[in-house]
Amino acid sequence: MKANRLSCLSLRGVTLSALSASTFTALCALAMSRQPLTADENEFFMAITRWAEWRHTIPHPHLYIHWAQLMVAIFGATVEAVRLSVLIPHLLTLPLLIWLARLLCGNAAVRTDWPRIAVLAVLLYALNPLSVQNSVLIDIDNGMLTMALTALLCLWLALRQRPVSVRIATLSVAFAICLWIKLPTPPMLAVALMVGEAWRRNWREAGIALTCTLLGTALFVASHSVYGALTGYTLSDALAAFAWRAGNESTILSQIPSTLVQTVGVLAFWLGLPFVLLTLPVIWNSARRFVQGRVEDEDIGLLYAAGVLVFYSTMIVPAWGYPRYHTPALPILTLAVSAWAVKQIGQAGREFRAVALAVATAGALYLALFVGDPLYDIYRATFETTALSERLRIGGAAFARTALPVVMVISLSLILTGRLSMTRAGALAGLLAALALGSYLATDLIQVTAPYSTRYRYTYVYADRARATEAVRAGVPLNGYSLTDKDLLWYADRPGEQVYPYLGNPDQLKDILRRRRVDVIAWAEKERLKATALNSDREALTILERCYRSEQFGVFTVLTRTSAEPCLGIR
C-alpha cells in the first residue's frame, strides 16, 4: 500500500515537472517572439513561405520545411507561426524523455527511482539555456530532429518484446522518417545501436539494427525519388549539403584542432560547468563498462551522444557558432546524468533538500548579480580577434567567474557530508545538480530579456541592427542595388545580394563596383575582421573611401554611395 502511494506521488511529480517545464519554455518562447529572424533563419523562412523560389537554399530533405508550411497554412505566413514548427516538437521531446527514462531505468533501478530520474532529466533539459533558445530558433536540428531521434531510441527499447517482423517494419519506417528530416545525424544513432549490441555479442539485435538501417535507407531513397519526380526537388538536392564540403576536406581537417577547442569550450558554457562535471563520472563509468564487456542500454545511448558531439565539434566551422547541431545528444545525456545523480543522492532528507535549495538560489543570484550572461564575453571575442590564444584568454577569464560557485559547492559538499548522513558523491551530485538548475534559471532570464541576439550573431544589439537596416533602406532606392549581410538584406527589403563572397575576394568586389552602381555596402564587425584579403587590398579600400560615406551602428558598418562621378568606371 505504501509502495503504491509512493509510486502515485512520484508519477504526480513527473507530470507536474513536465507541465511546469513546458509552461516555462512556452513563456520564454513568447517573450522572445519580439526578436527578429537572424542569419540562416531568414533562408529557412523564405524556403518555407516561398518554396518554389527558395527551396534550394536548404540543402537537406524537406520534411521539416513541409511541417513548417503546415503551421503557416493554419496560422498564416508569420514568424510566430513558423516558430511553432520548432516549439511544438521541442515540447513533445519532454514526454519522450520521460518515456525514455522509464524504458532505461524502470527495470534496472528501484521501482520508485525512475520517476525521480525523469523529473531531474526533464528539468535539466528544459531549463538548459541551449534548450530555451532552441525553442524559437527556426532550424532542423533543435526541434524536429531531436524529437524524432529521441522517439526512435524509445521505439528501439519499447519494441524489444514484439515479433521481429513488427520491429523491423516499424523501425525501418521510423528511420526513414528521421532521414527525411536530416541525413547526417540519424546514422549516428543506427551505428551506436549496431556497435553497442555487437559489443555485448547480442548479434541478433545488431542484425536487426543493421536490417532496419538498410531498409529505412532504401525506403527513404525510394520515397524521395518519387517525391523528386513530382516536385522537382530531387535526391541530389537533398544531398547538396555534402557537396558543399566536397573538395574542402584538407581545410576542414587542418582546422580540427582549433575548431575542437573552441566548439567544446562554447558548448561547455552552454551546458554549464556544474552539468559538465556531472557528466565526467557518467562517461567514466560507461567507458569502464565498455572495456569490461558489460554494456548497458544507457551506454549505447551515450555512444550515440558522443558521436553527435564529436562529429559536430570537429566538422562544423566556425566552431564558435550557435551549437544547435549538438541538441539531439542532449536528451540522452541529461537522462544519463540524472540517473547517476539520483543513484548517488539516494533518499535525501529534509536538511539536504533545504541546502540544495539554498545552493540553487545562491547560484542564481551570483550569476545574475556578478556574472551576467556567461556566454557574452566568449562570443564577443569572436568580433574582437581571430587569434585562438586571445579567445582562450577571454574564455578563460569567463570560465574563472563561473567556476567560483562550483568551487564553493565542492567545498560545501565535503563539509556537510557527515552532517547530512550522505556519501561525498551523493552530496556533491545533489548540490551540483541544484547549482546547475539555479544557474540555468538565471541565465535563461538574462538571455530571454536581453536586448541583443542570444543565438546566431550573439551580442548583436537589436536597436543597432534596426538603425542599420533603416540606413540601408534610406540609402538604396527601389531600383537601386546593395551588398549587405543577409539580415539587413532581408529586413531592408531593397534589391541586392549578400556581401560575404565579396569580402573574401576584393577583385570580385572591384569588378562589381566597376560594372554597376552599388548604392550601399554593409557588414558587421565579424565579417570585416575575417576579410583579410580585403583588408590588405589598398586599391579596394581606396575605392570605398573615395566613393562611400561610412556610418557605424554598434557592430554594423553601413557604407552609402556619395559620389555621383565615375569611380574606377562606376556609373
Protein backbone atom coordinates (compact mmCIF):
# COMPACT_ATOMS: atom_id res chain seq x y z
CA MET A 1 0.00 0.00 0.00
CA LYS A 2 2.80 2.37 0.96
CA ALA A 3 4.74 1.49 -2.20
CA ASN A 4 1.68 2.26 -4.33
CA ARG A 5 1.26 5.60 -2.59
CA LEU A 6 4.91 6.47 -3.23
CA SER A 7 4.51 5.45 -6.84
CA CYS A 8 1.46 7.68 -7.27
CA LEU A 9 3.25 10.61 -5.66
CA SER A 10 6.29 10.07 -7.90
CA LEU A 11 4.20 9.89 -11.05
CA ARG A 12 2.39 13.04 -9.96
CA GLY A 13 5.78 14.69 -9.59
CA VAL A 14 6.78 13.61 -13.10
CA THR A 15 3.58 15.06 -14.54
CA LEU A 16 3.95 18.29 -12.59
CA SER A 17 7.59 18.71 -13.66
CA ALA A 18 6.72 18.14 -17.32
CA LEU A 19 3.84 20.63 -17.20
CA SER A 20 5.96 23.20 -15.35
CA ALA A 21 8.87 22.79 -17.76
CA SER A 22 6.56 23.06 -20.78
CA THR A 23 4.91 26.18 -19.37
CA PHE A 24 8.29 27.77 -18.64
CA THR A 25 9.57 27.01 -22.12
CA ALA A 26 6.40 28.33 -23.77
CA LEU A 27 6.56 31.56 -21.74
CA CYS A 28 10.22 32.04 -22.69
CA ALA A 29 9.35 31.47 -26.35
CA LEU A 30 6.54 34.02 -26.08
CA ALA A 31 8.89 36.56 -24.50
CA MET A 32 11.42 36.04 -27.32
CA SER A 33 8.80 36.30 -30.08
CA ARG A 34 9.65 40.01 -30.42
CA GLN A 35 13.13 39.14 -31.67
CA PRO A 36 13.76 39.34 -35.43
CA LEU A 37 14.97 36.48 -37.57
CA THR A 38 18.73 36.23 -37.80
CA ALA A 39 21.24 34.68 -40.22
CA ASP A 40 20.14 31.26 -41.55
CA GLU A 41 16.64 31.72 -40.14
CA ASN A 42 15.90 34.15 -42.96
CA GLU A 43 16.63 31.48 -45.57
CA PHE A 44 14.50 28.95 -43.72
CA PHE A 45 11.63 31.42 -43.59
CA MET A 46 11.89 32.11 -47.32
CA ALA A 47 12.12 28.39 -48.14
CA ILE A 48 9.03 27.76 -46.04
CA THR A 49 6.90 30.64 -47.32
CA ARG A 50 8.22 30.79 -50.93
CA TRP A 51 9.25 27.20 -51.51
CA ALA A 52 9.26 27.22 -55.31
CA GLU A 53 11.84 30.05 -55.41
CA TRP A 54 13.91 29.43 -52.30
CA ARG A 55 13.83 25.68 -51.69
CA HIS A 56 17.42 25.11 -52.80
CA THR A 57 18.77 27.36 -50.05
CA ILE A 58 18.06 24.48 -47.62
CA PRO A 59 20.21 21.58 -48.94
CA HIS A 60 18.54 18.89 -46.83
CA PRO A 61 15.44 16.69 -47.11
CA HIS A 62 12.43 18.91 -46.63
CA LEU A 63 10.13 17.17 -44.16
CA TYR A 64 10.78 19.92 -41.62
CA ILE A 65 10.08 22.56 -44.27
CA HIS A 66 6.72 21.00 -45.08
CA TRP A 67 5.87 20.63 -41.39
CA ALA A 68 6.54 24.35 -41.00
CA GLN A 69 4.38 25.02 -44.07
CA LEU A 70 1.53 23.26 -42.27
CA MET A 71 1.92 25.75 -39.42
CA VAL A 72 1.82 28.58 -41.97
CA ALA A 73 -1.31 27.12 -43.58
CA ILE A 74 -3.04 27.05 -40.18
CA PHE A 75 -1.77 30.25 -38.57
CA GLY A 76 -0.63 32.41 -41.50
CA ALA A 77 2.74 33.32 -43.03
CA THR A 78 4.20 34.92 -39.91
CA VAL A 79 7.41 34.44 -38.00
CA GLU A 80 5.41 33.30 -34.97
CA ALA A 81 3.67 30.58 -36.99
CA VAL A 82 6.96 29.25 -38.35
CA ARG A 83 8.50 29.27 -34.87
CA LEU A 84 5.70 26.95 -33.75
CA SER A 85 7.24 24.33 -36.07
CA VAL A 86 10.19 24.22 -33.65
CA LEU A 87 8.43 24.90 -30.35
CA ILE A 88 5.88 22.08 -30.72
CA PRO A 89 8.37 19.23 -31.33
CA HIS A 90 10.65 20.76 -28.71
CA LEU A 91 7.85 20.46 -26.14
CA LEU A 92 7.00 16.94 -27.32
CA THR A 93 10.58 15.91 -26.55
CA LEU A 94 9.79 16.28 -22.83
CA PRO A 95 7.25 13.42 -22.62
CA LEU A 96 9.56 11.37 -24.83
CA LEU A 97 12.32 11.98 -22.30
CA ILE A 98 10.04 10.69 -19.55
CA TRP A 99 9.23 7.61 -21.63
CA LEU A 100 12.94 7.07 -22.25
CA ALA A 101 13.61 7.34 -18.51
CA ARG A 102 11.06 4.61 -17.82
CA LEU A 103 12.44 2.37 -20.58
CA LEU A 104 16.05 2.75 -19.48
CA CYS A 105 15.66 2.95 -15.71
CA GLY A 106 12.33 1.32 -14.90
CA ASN A 107 13.81 -2.16 -14.58
CA ALA A 108 17.39 -1.53 -13.56
CA ALA A 109 16.57 0.87 -10.73
CA VAL A 110 14.29 0.58 -7.74
CA ARG A 111 10.69 0.91 -8.89
CA THR A 112 10.27 4.41 -7.45
CA ASP A 113 13.61 5.70 -8.80
CA TRP A 114 12.76 6.15 -12.47
CA PRO A 115 10.20 8.92 -11.78
CA ARG A 116 12.82 10.83 -9.78
CA ILE A 117 15.28 10.37 -12.63
CA ALA A 118 12.66 11.58 -15.10
CA VAL A 119 11.89 14.69 -13.02
CA LEU A 120 15.55 15.71 -12.82
CA ALA A 121 16.16 14.92 -16.50
CA VAL A 122 13.16 16.99 -17.61
CA LEU A 123 14.29 19.95 -15.52
CA LEU A 124 17.93 19.76 -16.64
CA TYR A 125 16.87 19.50 -20.26
CA ALA A 126 14.10 22.11 -20.28
CA LEU A 127 15.92 24.75 -18.20
CA ASN A 128 19.18 24.38 -20.11
CA PRO A 129 19.74 27.76 -21.85
CA LEU A 130 20.52 25.96 -25.10
CA SER A 131 17.11 24.27 -24.99
CA VAL A 132 15.33 27.52 -24.17
CA GLN A 133 16.99 29.34 -27.07
CA ASN A 134 16.30 26.37 -29.34
CA SER A 135 12.57 26.77 -28.70
CA VAL A 136 12.36 29.72 -31.11
CA LEU A 137 15.26 29.07 -33.49
CA ILE A 138 13.95 28.21 -36.95
CA ASP A 139 16.09 25.24 -37.94
CA ILE A 140 16.07 21.46 -38.25
CA ASP A 141 18.30 20.01 -35.52
CA ASN A 142 16.97 21.77 -32.46
CA GLY A 143 13.31 20.80 -32.77
CA MET A 144 12.03 18.16 -35.15
CA LEU A 145 15.26 16.16 -35.47
CA THR A 146 15.85 15.97 -31.71
CA MET A 147 12.26 14.82 -31.14
CA ALA A 148 12.40 12.23 -33.93
CA LEU A 149 15.70 10.67 -32.86
CA THR A 150 14.60 10.53 -29.21
CA ALA A 151 11.40 8.81 -30.38
CA LEU A 152 13.43 6.36 -32.48
CA LEU A 153 15.54 5.38 -29.46
CA CYS A 154 12.35 4.94 -27.41
CA LEU A 155 10.87 2.70 -30.10
CA TRP A 156 14.00 0.57 -30.22
CA LEU A 157 13.73 -0.10 -26.50
CA ALA A 158 9.94 -0.37 -26.31
CA LEU A 159 9.54 -2.91 -29.13
CA ARG A 160 12.06 -5.47 -27.86
CA GLN A 161 9.41 -7.96 -26.83
CA ARG A 162 7.45 -7.65 -30.07
CA PRO A 163 7.84 -10.01 -33.06
CA VAL A 164 10.91 -9.38 -35.19
CA SER A 165 8.83 -8.60 -38.27
CA VAL A 166 6.89 -5.90 -36.38
CA ARG A 167 10.10 -4.39 -35.02
CA ILE A 168 11.82 -4.29 -38.41
CA ALA A 169 8.81 -2.80 -40.18
CA THR A 170 8.20 -0.13 -37.53
CA LEU A 171 11.83 0.83 -37.01
CA SER A 172 12.60 0.91 -40.74
CA VAL A 173 9.78 3.39 -41.32
CA ALA A 174 10.87 5.43 -38.28
CA PHE A 175 14.48 5.54 -39.51
CA ALA A 176 13.33 6.62 -42.98
CA ILE A 177 11.31 9.44 -41.40
CA CYS A 178 14.40 10.58 -39.49
CA LEU A 179 16.37 10.66 -42.76
CA TRP A 180 13.60 12.78 -44.27
CA ILE A 181 14.40 15.36 -41.59
CA LYS A 182 18.22 15.36 -41.90
CA LEU A 183 20.76 12.93 -43.28
CA PRO A 184 23.99 13.02 -41.18
CA THR A 185 22.66 12.53 -37.64
CA PRO A 186 20.27 9.50 -37.82
CA PRO A 187 23.07 7.14 -38.96
CA MET A 188 24.96 8.07 -35.78
CA LEU A 189 22.17 6.52 -33.71
CA ALA A 190 21.99 3.50 -36.03
CA VAL A 191 25.75 2.91 -35.78
CA ALA A 192 25.63 3.29 -31.98
CA LEU A 193 22.91 0.62 -31.80
CA MET A 194 24.82 -1.77 -34.04
CA VAL A 195 28.17 -1.25 -32.31
CA GLY A 196 26.68 -1.43 -28.81
CA GLU A 197 24.73 -4.62 -29.46
CA ALA A 198 27.68 -6.23 -31.24
CA TRP A 199 29.99 -5.22 -28.38
CA ARG A 200 27.89 -7.23 -25.95
CA ARG A 201 27.71 -10.04 -28.51
CA ASN A 202 24.00 -9.65 -28.99
CA TRP A 203 24.25 -10.50 -32.67
CA ARG A 204 20.53 -10.85 -33.17
CA GLU A 205 19.88 -7.28 -32.00
CA ALA A 206 22.83 -5.96 -34.00
CA GLY A 207 21.43 -7.69 -37.07
CA ILE A 208 18.01 -6.15 -36.52
CA ALA A 209 19.59 -2.69 -36.19
CA LEU A 210 21.54 -3.23 -39.42
CA THR A 211 18.46 -4.50 -41.25
CA CYS A 212 16.33 -1.56 -40.12
CA THR A 213 19.05 0.86 -41.18
CA LEU A 214 19.36 -0.65 -44.66
CA LEU A 215 15.62 -0.97 -45.20
CA GLY A 216 14.98 2.51 -43.81
CA THR A 217 17.62 3.97 -46.12
CA ALA A 218 16.13 2.16 -49.12
CA LEU A 219 12.67 3.39 -48.17
CA PHE A 220 13.95 6.96 -47.88
CA VAL A 221 15.71 6.79 -51.27
CA ALA A 222 12.66 5.29 -52.98
CA SER A 223 10.17 7.72 -51.45
CA HIS A 224 12.38 10.74 -52.10
CA SER A 225 12.88 9.66 -55.72
CA VAL A 226 9.12 9.66 -56.21
CA TYR A 227 8.88 12.98 -54.37
CA GLY A 228 11.62 14.45 -56.56
CA ALA A 229 9.85 13.36 -59.74
CA LEU A 230 6.65 15.05 -58.55
CA THR A 231 8.12 18.26 -57.12
CA GLY A 232 11.44 18.82 -58.87
CA TYR A 233 13.35 18.85 -55.57
CA THR A 234 15.46 15.78 -56.21
CA LEU A 235 17.55 13.45 -54.10
CA SER A 236 20.70 15.21 -55.29
CA ASP A 237 19.24 18.48 -54.00
CA ALA A 238 18.65 16.87 -50.61
CA LEU A 239 22.29 15.71 -50.59
CA ALA A 240 23.69 19.12 -51.58
CA ALA A 241 24.98 19.84 -48.07
CA PHE A 242 27.57 17.10 -48.57
CA ALA A 243 28.57 18.56 -51.94
CA TRP A 244 29.27 21.92 -50.30
CA ARG A 245 32.05 20.32 -48.27
CA ALA A 246 33.42 18.20 -51.10
CA GLY A 247 36.90 19.35 -52.03
CA ASN A 248 37.38 21.14 -48.69
CA GLU A 249 38.39 18.06 -46.74
CA SER A 250 42.00 19.17 -46.27
CA THR A 251 40.91 22.59 -44.98
CA ILE A 252 38.43 21.06 -42.56
CA LEU A 253 40.98 18.55 -41.29
CA SER A 254 43.65 21.22 -40.79
CA GLN A 255 41.21 23.32 -38.74
CA ILE A 256 40.06 20.48 -36.50
CA PRO A 257 42.42 21.28 -33.54
CA SER A 258 41.30 24.90 -33.19
CA THR A 259 37.73 24.04 -34.14
CA LEU A 260 37.52 21.35 -31.48
CA VAL A 261 38.95 23.57 -28.73
CA GLN A 262 36.59 26.43 -29.47
CA THR A 263 33.48 24.32 -30.01
CA VAL A 264 33.98 22.26 -26.86
CA GLY A 265 34.59 25.47 -24.91
CA VAL A 266 31.44 27.16 -26.21
CA LEU A 267 29.36 24.02 -25.64
CA ALA A 268 30.70 23.74 -22.08
CA PHE A 269 29.48 27.27 -21.37
CA TRP A 270 26.05 26.45 -22.77
CA LEU A 271 25.78 23.26 -20.73
CA GLY A 272 27.25 24.92 -17.64
CA LEU A 273 30.25 23.82 -15.57
CA PRO A 274 28.14 22.01 -12.91
CA PHE A 275 26.49 19.85 -15.59
CA VAL A 276 29.81 19.21 -17.34
CA LEU A 277 31.30 17.98 -14.04
CA LEU A 278 28.31 15.67 -13.57
CA THR A 279 28.96 14.13 -16.99
CA LEU A 280 32.53 13.10 -16.09
CA PRO A 281 31.69 10.15 -13.79
CA VAL A 282 28.91 9.13 -16.19
CA ILE A 283 31.36 8.97 -19.09
CA TRP A 284 33.96 7.21 -16.93
CA ASN A 285 31.52 4.55 -15.76
CA SER A 286 30.24 3.99 -19.30
CA ALA A 287 33.79 3.64 -20.66
CA ARG A 288 34.59 1.08 -17.94
CA ARG A 289 31.52 -0.96 -18.80
CA PHE A 290 32.56 -0.99 -22.45
CA VAL A 291 36.06 -2.17 -21.52
CA GLN A 292 34.65 -4.86 -19.21
CA GLY A 293 32.07 -6.03 -21.76
CA ARG A 294 29.11 -5.08 -19.53
CA VAL A 295 27.47 -2.65 -21.92
CA GLU A 296 24.04 -1.39 -20.87
CA ASP A 297 21.34 0.32 -22.91
CA GLU A 298 22.35 3.64 -21.37
CA ASP A 299 25.88 3.15 -22.70
CA ILE A 300 24.55 2.69 -26.23
CA GLY A 301 22.67 5.95 -25.88
CA LEU A 302 25.81 7.67 -24.64
CA LEU A 303 27.77 6.25 -27.58
CA TYR A 304 25.24 7.93 -29.88
CA ALA A 305 25.54 11.19 -27.92
CA ALA A 306 29.33 11.01 -28.16
CA GLY A 307 29.10 10.54 -31.93
CA VAL A 308 26.94 13.64 -32.28
CA LEU A 309 29.14 15.76 -30.02
CA VAL A 310 32.44 14.69 -31.57
CA PHE A 311 31.30 14.90 -35.19
CA TYR A 312 29.77 18.34 -34.91
CA SER A 313 32.61 19.61 -32.74
CA THR A 314 35.16 18.82 -35.43
CA MET A 315 33.40 19.01 -38.79
CA ILE A 316 31.42 22.24 -38.48
CA VAL A 317 33.17 25.57 -38.97
CA PRO A 318 33.03 28.14 -37.46
CA ALA A 319 33.42 26.48 -34.09
CA TRP A 320 32.17 29.47 -32.12
CA GLY A 321 28.75 29.39 -33.78
CA TYR A 322 25.47 28.55 -32.08
CA PRO A 323 25.71 24.80 -31.21
CA ARG A 324 22.27 23.75 -32.43
CA TYR A 325 23.77 20.70 -34.16
CA HIS A 326 24.56 19.17 -30.77
CA THR A 327 20.99 19.34 -29.50
CA PRO A 328 19.99 15.75 -30.49
CA ALA A 329 22.53 14.47 -27.94
CA LEU A 330 21.05 16.42 -25.01
CA PRO A 331 18.05 14.22 -24.07
CA ILE A 332 20.06 11.03 -23.51
CA LEU A 333 22.94 12.99 -21.96
CA THR A 334 20.70 14.71 -19.39
CA LEU A 335 18.99 11.39 -18.66
CA ALA A 336 22.28 9.58 -18.03
CA VAL A 337 23.48 12.39 -15.74
CA SER A 338 20.16 12.35 -13.87
CA ALA A 339 20.28 8.57 -13.41
CA TRP A 340 23.77 8.74 -11.91
CA ALA A 341 22.94 11.72 -9.68
CA VAL A 342 19.72 10.16 -8.33
CA LYS A 343 21.54 6.93 -7.57
CA GLN A 344 24.22 8.81 -5.64
CA ILE A 345 21.79 11.04 -3.75
CA GLY A 346 19.55 8.19 -2.62
CA GLN A 347 16.71 9.11 -0.27
CA ALA A 348 17.94 12.53 0.81
CA GLY A 349 16.45 14.05 3.95
CA ARG A 350 14.78 17.38 4.52
CA GLU A 351 18.04 19.02 5.63
CA PHE A 352 19.75 18.18 2.34
CA ARG A 353 16.80 19.46 0.32
CA ALA A 354 17.00 22.76 2.20
CA VAL A 355 20.73 23.04 1.49
CA ALA A 356 20.18 22.18 -2.20
CA LEU A 357 17.52 24.89 -2.47
CA ALA A 358 19.88 27.40 -0.85
CA VAL A 359 22.66 26.43 -3.29
CA ALA A 360 20.36 26.81 -6.30
CA THR A 361 19.19 30.22 -5.07
CA ALA A 362 22.70 31.45 -4.26
CA GLY A 363 24.00 30.23 -7.64
CA ALA A 364 21.23 32.05 -9.48
CA LEU A 365 21.82 35.29 -7.56
CA TYR A 366 25.60 35.13 -8.03
CA LEU A 367 25.26 34.69 -11.78
CA ALA A 368 22.57 37.36 -12.12
CA LEU A 369 24.34 39.98 -9.96
CA PHE A 370 28.04 39.39 -10.58
CA VAL A 371 28.49 37.47 -13.86
CA GLY A 372 25.59 38.31 -16.12
CA ASP A 373 25.30 36.38 -19.35
CA PRO A 374 28.09 33.77 -19.05
CA LEU A 375 28.31 33.44 -22.83
CA TYR A 376 28.56 37.13 -23.70
CA ASP A 377 32.33 37.57 -23.39
CA ILE A 378 33.34 34.48 -25.33
CA TYR A 379 31.00 35.36 -28.20
CA ARG A 380 32.08 39.00 -28.16
CA ALA A 381 35.66 37.80 -28.50
CA THR A 382 34.84 36.45 -31.95
CA PHE A 383 34.31 40.02 -33.16
CA GLU A 384 37.42 41.42 -31.50
CA THR A 385 40.03 38.88 -32.56
CA THR A 386 40.70 35.90 -34.77
CA ALA A 387 43.64 34.73 -32.62
CA LEU A 388 42.92 31.49 -30.80
CA SER A 389 45.22 32.48 -27.92
CA GLU A 390 43.26 35.69 -27.33
CA ARG A 391 39.95 33.86 -27.46
CA LEU A 392 41.27 31.36 -24.96
CA ARG A 393 42.37 34.20 -22.67
CA ILE A 394 38.93 35.82 -22.76
CA GLY A 395 37.21 32.46 -22.42
CA GLY A 396 39.49 31.55 -19.51
CA ALA A 397 38.55 34.73 -17.64
CA ALA A 398 34.85 33.99 -18.20
CA PHE A 399 35.40 30.42 -17.06
CA ALA A 400 37.04 31.58 -13.82
CA ARG A 401 34.00 33.71 -12.94
CA THR A 402 31.58 30.82 -13.49
CA ALA A 403 33.87 28.34 -11.70
CA LEU A 404 33.78 30.16 -8.36
CA PRO A 405 30.37 28.82 -7.21
CA VAL A 406 31.41 25.32 -8.31
CA VAL A 407 34.48 25.51 -6.06
CA MET A 408 32.25 26.67 -3.20
CA VAL A 409 29.81 23.81 -3.80
CA ILE A 410 32.60 21.21 -3.81
CA SER A 411 33.90 22.60 -0.52
CA LEU A 412 30.40 22.70 0.95
CA SER A 413 29.72 19.09 -0.01
CA LEU A 414 32.87 17.97 1.79
CA ILE A 415 31.94 19.91 4.92
CA LEU A 416 28.32 18.75 5.07
CA THR A 417 28.80 15.09 4.14
CA GLY A 418 28.88 13.83 7.72
CA ARG A 419 26.18 16.16 8.99
CA LEU A 420 23.73 15.17 6.26
CA SER A 421 24.40 11.43 6.61
CA MET A 422 25.28 11.18 2.92
CA THR A 423 28.24 9.97 0.93
CA ARG A 424 30.53 12.59 -0.56
CA ALA A 425 29.48 11.55 -4.05
CA GLY A 426 25.82 11.89 -3.11
CA ALA A 427 26.21 15.33 -1.55
CA LEU A 428 28.35 16.56 -4.44
CA ALA A 429 25.98 15.18 -7.10
CA GLY A 430 22.94 16.72 -5.46
CA LEU A 431 24.50 20.13 -4.91
CA LEU A 432 25.98 20.29 -8.41
CA ALA A 433 22.56 19.42 -9.87
CA ALA A 434 20.98 22.16 -7.72
CA LEU A 435 23.63 24.66 -8.80
CA ALA A 436 23.09 23.71 -12.45
CA LEU A 437 19.34 24.33 -12.19
CA GLY A 438 19.81 27.65 -10.38
CA SER A 439 22.41 28.83 -12.89
CA TYR A 440 20.23 27.72 -15.79
CA LEU A 441 17.27 29.68 -14.49
CA ALA A 442 19.30 32.86 -14.04
CA THR A 443 20.91 32.54 -17.48
CA ASP A 444 17.51 31.94 -19.06
CA LEU A 445 16.04 35.07 -17.53
CA ILE A 446 19.06 37.13 -18.61
CA GLN A 447 19.07 35.83 -22.18
CA VAL A 448 15.31 35.88 -22.73
CA THR A 449 15.11 39.56 -21.76
CA ALA A 450 18.40 40.62 -23.38
CA PRO A 451 18.33 43.48 -25.93
CA TYR A 452 20.90 41.62 -28.03
CA SER A 453 20.86 38.39 -30.01
CA THR A 454 21.48 35.25 -27.95
CA ARG A 455 21.61 32.71 -30.78
CA TYR A 456 23.06 33.48 -34.20
CA ARG A 457 25.28 36.58 -34.24
CA TYR A 458 25.46 36.60 -30.48
CA THR A 459 25.72 40.10 -28.86
CA TYR A 460 24.25 41.97 -31.87
CA VAL A 461 22.10 44.71 -30.32
CA TYR A 462 18.65 44.68 -31.90
CA ALA A 463 18.38 48.50 -31.77
CA ASP A 464 21.70 48.88 -33.64
CA ARG A 465 20.55 46.40 -36.23
CA ALA A 466 17.27 48.29 -36.67
CA ARG A 467 19.17 51.57 -37.22
CA ALA A 468 21.50 49.91 -39.72
CA THR A 469 18.51 48.42 -41.53
CA GLU A 470 16.88 51.84 -41.77
CA ALA A 471 20.12 53.34 -43.12
CA VAL A 472 20.22 50.68 -45.85
CA ARG A 473 16.56 51.28 -46.68
CA ALA A 474 17.14 55.04 -46.90
CA GLY A 475 20.32 54.72 -48.96
CA VAL A 476 19.05 52.30 -51.60
CA PRO A 477 16.25 53.42 -53.94
CA LEU A 478 13.69 50.88 -55.05
CA ASN A 479 15.56 50.50 -58.34
CA GLY A 480 18.97 50.58 -56.69
CA TYR A 481 21.36 47.86 -55.51
CA SER A 482 23.08 46.84 -52.27
CA LEU A 483 25.64 44.43 -50.90
CA THR A 484 24.79 43.61 -47.26
CA ASP A 485 24.64 40.75 -44.80
CA LYS A 486 21.59 38.51 -45.06
CA ASP A 487 19.80 40.12 -42.09
CA LEU A 488 19.96 43.65 -43.49
CA LEU A 489 19.17 42.39 -46.99
CA TRP A 490 16.03 40.65 -45.75
CA TYR A 491 14.68 43.37 -43.47
CA ALA A 492 15.62 46.43 -45.56
CA ASP A 493 13.64 44.97 -48.47
CA ARG A 494 15.83 46.51 -51.14
CA PRO A 495 17.38 44.95 -54.29
CA GLY A 496 20.79 43.45 -53.79
CA GLU A 497 22.77 40.38 -52.75
CA GLN A 498 24.78 39.08 -49.83
CA VAL A 499 28.15 40.74 -49.30
CA TYR A 500 30.06 37.71 -47.98
CA PRO A 501 31.63 36.49 -51.27
CA TYR A 502 32.95 39.99 -51.99
CA LEU A 503 34.63 40.36 -48.60
CA GLY A 504 36.71 37.29 -49.32
CA ASN A 505 37.51 38.33 -52.89
CA PRO A 506 38.39 42.03 -53.32
CA ASP A 507 38.88 41.58 -57.08
CA GLN A 508 35.27 40.43 -57.33
CA LEU A 509 34.21 43.47 -55.29
CA LYS A 510 36.13 45.86 -57.54
CA ASP A 511 34.65 44.18 -60.58
CA ILE A 512 31.03 44.70 -59.50
CA LEU A 513 31.77 48.29 -58.47
CA ARG A 514 33.11 48.93 -61.97
CA ARG A 515 30.17 47.25 -63.66
CA ARG A 516 27.30 48.87 -61.81
CA ARG A 517 26.38 51.43 -59.23
CA VAL A 518 26.13 49.86 -55.77
CA ASP A 519 24.26 52.28 -53.51
CA VAL A 520 25.03 50.68 -50.15
CA ILE A 521 27.58 48.20 -48.83
CA ALA A 522 27.04 46.94 -45.27
CA TRP A 523 28.59 44.38 -42.98
CA ALA A 524 29.18 43.58 -39.33
CA GLU A 525 32.49 43.60 -37.49
CA LYS A 526 32.76 39.84 -37.62
CA GLU A 527 32.68 39.75 -41.43
CA ARG A 528 35.16 42.61 -41.80
CA LEU A 529 37.51 41.09 -39.25
CA LYS A 530 37.66 37.86 -41.22
CA ALA A 531 38.05 39.67 -44.58
CA THR A 532 41.84 39.55 -44.52
CA ALA A 533 42.10 39.75 -48.33
CA LEU A 534 40.00 42.92 -48.50
CA ASN A 535 41.80 44.49 -45.54
CA SER A 536 45.11 44.15 -47.35
CA ASP A 537 43.89 45.34 -50.76
CA ARG A 538 44.80 49.06 -50.88
CA GLU A 539 43.00 49.70 -54.18
CA ALA A 540 39.70 48.29 -52.96
CA LEU A 541 39.94 50.25 -49.70
CA THR A 542 40.69 53.45 -51.64
CA ILE A 543 37.59 52.95 -53.78
CA LEU A 544 35.42 52.51 -50.71
CA GLU A 545 36.96 55.56 -49.04
CA ARG A 546 36.53 57.80 -52.08
CA CYS A 547 33.03 56.80 -53.09
CA TYR A 548 31.24 55.94 -49.85
CA ARG A 549 30.29 57.60 -46.55
CA SER A 550 30.74 55.31 -43.57
CA GLU A 551 28.30 55.13 -40.65
CA GLN A 552 28.67 52.94 -37.58
CA PHE A 553 25.70 51.42 -35.75
CA GLY A 554 27.12 49.28 -32.99
CA VAL A 555 28.84 46.37 -34.73
CA PHE A 556 27.28 47.28 -38.09
CA THR A 557 29.04 49.40 -40.71
CA VAL A 558 26.93 50.95 -43.49
CA LEU A 559 28.73 52.47 -46.49
CA THR A 560 26.45 54.75 -48.54
CA ARG A 561 27.46 55.86 -52.05
CA THR A 562 28.09 59.62 -52.13
CA SER A 563 30.00 60.25 -55.35
CA ALA A 564 27.97 61.00 -58.43
CA GLU A 565 31.12 60.90 -60.53
CA PRO A 566 32.58 57.73 -62.00
CA CYS A 567 34.77 55.84 -59.58
CA LEU A 568 37.05 53.49 -61.50
CA GLY A 569 34.45 53.14 -64.20
CA ILE A 570 31.40 53.25 -61.89
CA ARG A 571 28.45 54.97 -63.49
